[in-house]
Amino acid sequence: MDVLTTFLDSEAGLAVKGLVIVAFLDFVTGAFAALKDGTFALDAIAAFVRKHILGRVAPISTLLVVGYFGGETGKLFMAGGIAAAAAYVAETGASVLGNIAPPKDGDVTAANPVNPVPED
């Protein structure tokens, strides 16, 4: 248990916690926005879990864990994990802001819907 606590208190562990928090914020604000404008669909929850949690957060977290425990050879994994985490936070942060303050009616088009349902 001490190893897990030590990892979670490290910079890599804080990055993993941050990824989970940003993903949770995106889910909550997206669900609220979809409920508000009447576009909520239950299958969007499964798509979110598949795309965000399993497709982004888990692989980035794996890079960070391998980088943390990999010693000298793990530095490459850590660098990749940090770069991927920064890109994910930037992308998802923009999504959260879009959920909180959606575009005006004139800015909404078929190519740029307010709250699109995630698709594969």
N, C-alpha and C. Protein backbone atom coordinates (compact mmCIF):
# COMPACT_ATOMS: atom_id res chain seq x y z
N MET A 1 0.82 -1.19 0.00
CA MET A 1 0.00 0.00 0.00
C MET A 1 0.86 1.26 0.00
N ASP A 2 2.05 1.16 0.60
CA ASP A 2 2.94 2.31 0.63
C ASP A 2 3.39 2.70 -0.77
N VAL A 3 3.56 1.72 -1.65
CA VAL A 3 4.00 2.00 -3.02
C VAL A 3 2.92 2.80 -3.74
N LEU A 4 1.65 2.42 -3.57
CA LEU A 4 0.55 3.13 -4.21
C LEU A 4 0.45 4.56 -3.69
N THR A 5 0.56 4.72 -2.38
CA THR A 5 0.50 6.05 -1.79
C THR A 5 1.64 6.92 -2.29
N THR A 6 2.82 6.33 -2.36
CA THR A 6 3.99 7.08 -2.85
C THR A 6 3.78 7.50 -4.30
N PHE A 7 3.25 6.58 -5.12
CA PHE A 7 2.99 6.92 -6.52
C PHE A 7 1.96 8.03 -6.62
N LEU A 8 0.85 7.91 -5.89
CA LEU A 8 -0.21 8.90 -6.00
C LEU A 8 0.22 10.28 -5.50
N ASP A 9 1.22 10.32 -4.62
CA ASP A 9 1.73 11.60 -4.13
C ASP A 9 2.79 12.20 -5.05
N SER A 10 3.28 11.43 -6.01
CA SER A 10 4.29 11.92 -6.95
C SER A 10 3.63 12.78 -8.03
N GLU A 11 4.48 13.41 -8.87
CA GLU A 11 3.96 14.22 -9.98
C GLU A 11 3.16 13.36 -10.96
N ALA A 12 3.64 12.14 -11.22
CA ALA A 12 2.93 11.25 -12.13
C ALA A 12 1.57 10.87 -11.56
N GLY A 13 1.51 10.60 -10.27
CA GLY A 13 0.24 10.27 -9.62
C GLY A 13 -0.72 11.43 -9.63
N LEU A 14 -0.19 12.63 -9.41
CA LEU A 14 -1.04 13.83 -9.49
C LEU A 14 -1.58 14.03 -10.90
N ALA A 15 -0.76 13.71 -11.90
CA ALA A 15 -1.22 13.81 -13.29
C ALA A 15 -2.35 12.82 -13.55
N VAL A 16 -2.23 11.60 -13.04
CA VAL A 16 -3.30 10.60 -13.21
C VAL A 16 -4.58 11.09 -12.54
N LYS A 17 -4.45 11.62 -11.32
CA LYS A 17 -5.63 12.16 -10.62
C LYS A 17 -6.25 13.30 -11.43
N GLY A 18 -5.41 14.16 -11.99
CA GLY A 18 -5.91 15.27 -12.80
C GLY A 18 -6.66 14.79 -14.03
N LEU A 19 -6.14 13.74 -14.68
CA LEU A 19 -6.84 13.19 -15.85
C LEU A 19 -8.23 12.69 -15.48
N VAL A 20 -8.32 12.01 -14.35
CA VAL A 20 -9.62 11.48 -13.91
C VAL A 20 -10.57 12.64 -13.57
N ILE A 21 -10.07 13.66 -12.93
CA ILE A 21 -10.91 14.80 -12.57
C ILE A 21 -11.41 15.53 -13.81
N VAL A 22 -10.53 15.76 -14.78
CA VAL A 22 -10.94 16.45 -16.02
C VAL A 22 -11.96 15.62 -16.78
N ALA A 23 -11.76 14.29 -16.83
CA ALA A 23 -12.72 13.42 -17.51
C ALA A 23 -14.07 13.46 -16.79
N PHE A 24 -14.05 13.46 -15.46
CA PHE A 24 -15.29 13.53 -14.69
C PHE A 24 -16.01 14.86 -14.93
N LEU A 25 -15.26 15.95 -14.94
CA LEU A 25 -15.87 17.26 -15.21
C LEU A 25 -16.51 17.31 -16.60
N ASP A 26 -15.82 16.73 -17.58
CA ASP A 26 -16.37 16.69 -18.93
C ASP A 26 -17.65 15.88 -18.97
N PHE A 27 -17.66 14.76 -18.27
CA PHE A 27 -18.86 13.92 -18.24
C PHE A 27 -20.03 14.66 -17.58
N VAL A 28 -19.78 15.24 -16.43
CA VAL A 28 -20.86 15.92 -15.68
C VAL A 28 -21.40 17.12 -16.45
N THR A 29 -20.50 17.97 -16.95
CA THR A 29 -20.97 19.15 -17.67
C THR A 29 -21.63 18.77 -19.00
N GLY A 30 -21.11 17.75 -19.65
CA GLY A 30 -21.72 17.29 -20.90
C GLY A 30 -23.09 16.69 -20.69
N ALA A 31 -23.23 15.88 -19.63
CA ALA A 31 -24.54 15.29 -19.33
C ALA A 31 -25.54 16.38 -18.96
N PHE A 32 -25.11 17.35 -18.16
CA PHE A 32 -26.01 18.45 -17.80
C PHE A 32 -26.43 19.25 -19.02
N ALA A 33 -25.48 19.56 -19.89
CA ALA A 33 -25.80 20.33 -21.10
C ALA A 33 -26.73 19.55 -22.01
N ALA A 34 -26.51 18.25 -22.14
CA ALA A 34 -27.38 17.42 -22.99
C ALA A 34 -28.77 17.31 -22.41
N LEU A 35 -28.88 17.18 -21.09
CA LEU A 35 -30.20 17.15 -20.46
C LEU A 35 -30.92 18.48 -20.65
N LYS A 36 -30.16 19.55 -20.54
CA LYS A 36 -30.73 20.90 -20.67
C LYS A 36 -31.30 21.14 -22.06
N ASP A 37 -30.60 20.70 -23.11
CA ASP A 37 -31.10 20.96 -24.45
C ASP A 37 -31.83 19.76 -25.08
N GLY A 38 -32.08 18.73 -24.27
CA GLY A 38 -32.91 17.62 -24.72
C GLY A 38 -32.24 16.65 -25.68
N THR A 39 -30.92 16.57 -25.66
CA THR A 39 -30.22 15.65 -26.56
C THR A 39 -29.55 14.49 -25.82
N PHE A 40 -29.86 14.32 -24.53
CA PHE A 40 -29.23 13.27 -23.74
C PHE A 40 -29.63 11.89 -24.27
N ALA A 41 -28.66 11.00 -24.40
CA ALA A 41 -28.90 9.62 -24.82
C ALA A 41 -28.06 8.70 -23.94
N LEU A 42 -28.67 7.61 -23.46
CA LEU A 42 -27.95 6.69 -22.59
C LEU A 42 -26.74 6.06 -23.27
N ASP A 43 -26.82 5.84 -24.58
CA ASP A 43 -25.68 5.22 -25.26
C ASP A 43 -24.47 6.15 -25.30
N ALA A 44 -24.67 7.43 -25.05
CA ALA A 44 -23.56 8.36 -25.00
C ALA A 44 -22.68 8.10 -23.78
N ILE A 45 -23.26 7.54 -22.71
CA ILE A 45 -22.47 7.20 -21.52
C ILE A 45 -21.47 6.11 -21.86
N ALA A 46 -21.94 5.07 -22.55
CA ALA A 46 -21.03 3.99 -22.95
C ALA A 46 -19.97 4.50 -23.91
N ALA A 47 -20.35 5.38 -24.82
CA ALA A 47 -19.38 5.95 -25.75
C ALA A 47 -18.35 6.79 -25.01
N PHE A 48 -18.77 7.53 -23.99
CA PHE A 48 -17.84 8.32 -23.20
C PHE A 48 -16.85 7.43 -22.47
N VAL A 49 -17.36 6.38 -21.83
CA VAL A 49 -16.46 5.47 -21.11
C VAL A 49 -15.48 4.82 -22.07
N ARG A 50 -15.97 4.39 -23.22
CA ARG A 50 -15.11 3.71 -24.19
C ARG A 50 -14.06 4.66 -24.78
N LYS A 51 -14.48 5.87 -25.13
CA LYS A 51 -13.57 6.79 -25.80
C LYS A 51 -12.65 7.53 -24.82
N HIS A 52 -13.21 8.04 -23.74
CA HIS A 52 -12.41 8.85 -22.82
C HIS A 52 -11.65 8.00 -21.81
N ILE A 53 -12.38 7.17 -21.07
CA ILE A 53 -11.74 6.43 -19.98
C ILE A 53 -10.85 5.32 -20.54
N LEU A 54 -11.42 4.44 -21.37
CA LEU A 54 -10.63 3.32 -21.89
C LEU A 54 -9.72 3.72 -23.04
N GLY A 55 -10.10 4.73 -23.81
CA GLY A 55 -9.32 5.10 -24.98
C GLY A 55 -8.27 6.16 -24.74
N ARG A 56 -8.43 6.95 -23.67
CA ARG A 56 -7.47 8.04 -23.45
C ARG A 56 -6.88 8.02 -22.04
N VAL A 57 -7.74 8.06 -21.02
CA VAL A 57 -7.24 8.16 -19.64
C VAL A 57 -6.44 6.92 -19.26
N ALA A 58 -6.94 5.74 -19.55
CA ALA A 58 -6.23 4.51 -19.16
C ALA A 58 -4.87 4.38 -19.87
N PRO A 59 -4.79 4.58 -21.19
CA PRO A 59 -3.46 4.47 -21.82
C PRO A 59 -2.47 5.54 -21.36
N ILE A 60 -2.94 6.77 -21.16
CA ILE A 60 -2.05 7.83 -20.68
C ILE A 60 -1.58 7.51 -19.27
N SER A 61 -2.50 7.03 -18.43
CA SER A 61 -2.14 6.65 -17.07
C SER A 61 -1.13 5.51 -17.07
N THR A 62 -1.28 4.58 -17.99
CA THR A 62 -0.33 3.47 -18.10
C THR A 62 1.06 3.99 -18.44
N LEU A 63 1.14 4.94 -19.37
CA LEU A 63 2.43 5.54 -19.70
C LEU A 63 3.05 6.21 -18.47
N LEU A 64 2.25 6.90 -17.70
CA LEU A 64 2.76 7.58 -16.51
C LEU A 64 3.23 6.59 -15.44
N VAL A 65 2.48 5.51 -15.27
CA VAL A 65 2.87 4.48 -14.29
C VAL A 65 4.16 3.81 -14.71
N VAL A 66 4.26 3.41 -15.98
CA VAL A 66 5.48 2.78 -16.48
C VAL A 66 6.64 3.76 -16.39
N GLY A 67 6.41 5.01 -16.68
CA GLY A 67 7.46 6.00 -16.57
C GLY A 67 7.93 6.19 -15.14
N TYR A 68 7.01 6.16 -14.21
CA TYR A 68 7.35 6.34 -12.80
C TYR A 68 8.16 5.17 -12.26
N PHE A 69 7.70 3.96 -12.57
CA PHE A 69 8.36 2.77 -12.04
C PHE A 69 9.48 2.25 -12.94
N GLY A 70 9.67 2.84 -14.10
CA GLY A 70 10.65 2.34 -15.05
C GLY A 70 12.07 2.79 -14.82
N GLY A 71 12.29 3.61 -13.83
CA GLY A 71 13.65 4.06 -13.54
C GLY A 71 14.22 4.87 -14.69
N GLU A 72 15.47 4.60 -15.02
CA GLU A 72 16.16 5.35 -16.08
C GLU A 72 15.51 5.13 -17.44
N THR A 73 15.09 3.90 -17.73
CA THR A 73 14.49 3.61 -19.03
C THR A 73 13.05 4.12 -19.12
N GLY A 74 12.44 4.43 -17.98
CA GLY A 74 11.06 4.90 -17.98
C GLY A 74 10.91 6.36 -18.35
N LYS A 75 12.03 7.07 -18.48
CA LYS A 75 11.94 8.51 -18.79
C LYS A 75 11.25 8.78 -20.12
N LEU A 76 11.46 7.90 -21.08
CA LEU A 76 10.80 8.07 -22.38
C LEU A 76 9.29 7.89 -22.25
N PHE A 77 8.89 6.90 -21.46
CA PHE A 77 7.46 6.70 -21.22
C PHE A 77 6.86 7.88 -20.47
N MET A 78 7.61 8.39 -19.50
CA MET A 78 7.13 9.54 -18.73
C MET A 78 6.96 10.75 -19.63
N ALA A 79 7.91 11.00 -20.51
CA ALA A 79 7.82 12.13 -21.44
C ALA A 79 6.60 11.98 -22.34
N GLY A 80 6.38 10.78 -22.86
CA GLY A 80 5.21 10.53 -23.70
C GLY A 80 3.92 10.70 -22.93
N GLY A 81 3.91 10.22 -21.68
CA GLY A 81 2.72 10.36 -20.84
C GLY A 81 2.40 11.80 -20.51
N ILE A 82 3.44 12.58 -20.25
CA ILE A 82 3.23 14.00 -19.94
C ILE A 82 2.70 14.74 -21.16
N ALA A 83 3.27 14.46 -22.32
CA ALA A 83 2.80 15.11 -23.55
C ALA A 83 1.34 14.72 -23.85
N ALA A 84 1.04 13.43 -23.71
CA ALA A 84 -0.32 12.97 -23.98
C ALA A 84 -1.31 13.54 -22.96
N ALA A 85 -0.89 13.62 -21.70
CA ALA A 85 -1.76 14.19 -20.66
C ALA A 85 -2.05 15.66 -20.93
N ALA A 86 -1.03 16.40 -21.35
CA ALA A 86 -1.23 17.82 -21.67
C ALA A 86 -2.20 17.99 -22.83
N ALA A 87 -2.06 17.16 -23.85
CA ALA A 87 -2.98 17.24 -25.00
C ALA A 87 -4.40 16.88 -24.58
N TYR A 88 -4.55 15.84 -23.75
CA TYR A 88 -5.88 15.43 -23.30
C TYR A 88 -6.53 16.52 -22.46
N VAL A 89 -5.78 17.10 -21.55
CA VAL A 89 -6.33 18.15 -20.69
C VAL A 89 -6.74 19.36 -21.52
N ALA A 90 -5.94 19.73 -22.51
CA ALA A 90 -6.30 20.87 -23.37
C ALA A 90 -7.58 20.58 -24.14
N GLU A 91 -7.66 19.39 -24.74
CA GLU A 91 -8.84 19.03 -25.52
C GLU A 91 -10.09 18.94 -24.64
N THR A 92 -9.96 18.28 -23.52
CA THR A 92 -11.11 18.05 -22.65
C THR A 92 -11.50 19.33 -21.92
N GLY A 93 -10.51 20.15 -21.57
CA GLY A 93 -10.83 21.45 -20.97
C GLY A 93 -11.66 22.32 -21.89
N ALA A 94 -11.33 22.29 -23.18
CA ALA A 94 -12.12 23.03 -24.16
C ALA A 94 -13.54 22.48 -24.24
N SER A 95 -13.67 21.17 -24.13
CA SER A 95 -15.00 20.55 -24.14
C SER A 95 -15.81 20.98 -22.92
N VAL A 96 -15.17 21.01 -21.76
CA VAL A 96 -15.86 21.45 -20.54
C VAL A 96 -16.33 22.89 -20.69
N LEU A 97 -15.47 23.75 -21.18
CA LEU A 97 -15.86 25.15 -21.39
C LEU A 97 -17.00 25.27 -22.40
N GLY A 98 -16.96 24.44 -23.44
CA GLY A 98 -18.05 24.44 -24.42
C GLY A 98 -19.36 23.95 -23.82
N ASN A 99 -19.28 23.03 -22.86
CA ASN A 99 -20.48 22.55 -22.19
C ASN A 99 -21.06 23.62 -21.26
N ILE A 100 -20.18 24.38 -20.62
CA ILE A 100 -20.63 25.41 -19.68
C ILE A 100 -21.20 26.61 -20.43
N ALA A 101 -20.53 27.03 -21.48
CA ALA A 101 -20.97 28.19 -22.27
C ALA A 101 -21.07 27.77 -23.72
N PRO A 102 -22.19 27.13 -24.10
CA PRO A 102 -22.33 26.68 -25.49
C PRO A 102 -22.37 27.85 -26.46
N PRO A 103 -22.08 27.58 -27.73
CA PRO A 103 -22.09 28.66 -28.73
C PRO A 103 -23.49 29.23 -28.92
N LYS A 104 -23.54 30.44 -29.42
CA LYS A 104 -24.82 31.09 -29.71
C LYS A 104 -25.52 30.36 -30.85
N ASP A 105 -26.83 30.61 -31.00
CA ASP A 105 -27.61 29.91 -32.03
C ASP A 105 -27.04 30.10 -33.42
N GLY A 106 -26.50 31.27 -33.71
CA GLY A 106 -25.95 31.53 -35.04
C GLY A 106 -24.68 30.74 -35.31
N ASP A 107 -24.00 30.31 -34.25
CA ASP A 107 -22.76 29.55 -34.41
C ASP A 107 -22.99 28.06 -34.57
N VAL A 108 -24.22 27.61 -34.35
CA VAL A 108 -24.54 26.18 -34.41
C VAL A 108 -24.90 25.81 -35.84
N THR A 109 -24.19 24.83 -36.37
CA THR A 109 -24.48 24.31 -37.71
C THR A 109 -24.49 22.79 -37.63
N ALA A 110 -24.82 22.15 -38.73
CA ALA A 110 -24.80 20.68 -38.76
C ALA A 110 -23.39 20.16 -38.53
N ALA A 111 -22.39 20.91 -38.99
CA ALA A 111 -21.00 20.50 -38.81
C ALA A 111 -20.49 20.84 -37.41
N ASN A 112 -21.16 21.74 -36.71
CA ASN A 112 -20.74 22.17 -35.38
C ASN A 112 -21.94 22.18 -34.43
N PRO A 113 -22.47 20.99 -34.07
CA PRO A 113 -23.63 20.95 -33.18
C PRO A 113 -23.25 21.36 -31.76
N VAL A 114 -24.25 21.75 -30.96
CA VAL A 114 -23.99 22.20 -29.61
C VAL A 114 -23.43 21.05 -28.75
N ASN A 115 -24.14 19.96 -28.66
CA ASN A 115 -23.72 18.81 -27.86
C ASN A 115 -23.83 17.55 -28.70
N PRO A 116 -22.83 17.28 -29.50
CA PRO A 116 -22.91 16.10 -30.36
C PRO A 116 -22.82 14.80 -29.55
N VAL A 117 -23.57 13.81 -29.97
CA VAL A 117 -23.50 12.49 -29.36
C VAL A 117 -22.24 11.82 -29.89
N PRO A 118 -21.36 11.34 -28.98
CA PRO A 118 -20.13 10.70 -29.45
C PRO A 118 -20.44 9.48 -30.31
N GLU A 119 -19.73 9.37 -31.40
CA GLU A 119 -19.89 8.22 -32.29
C GLU A 119 -18.53 7.61 -32.52
N ASP A 120 -18.52 6.35 -32.94
CA ASP A 120 -17.24 5.67 -33.23
C ASP A 120 -16.78 5.96 -34.61
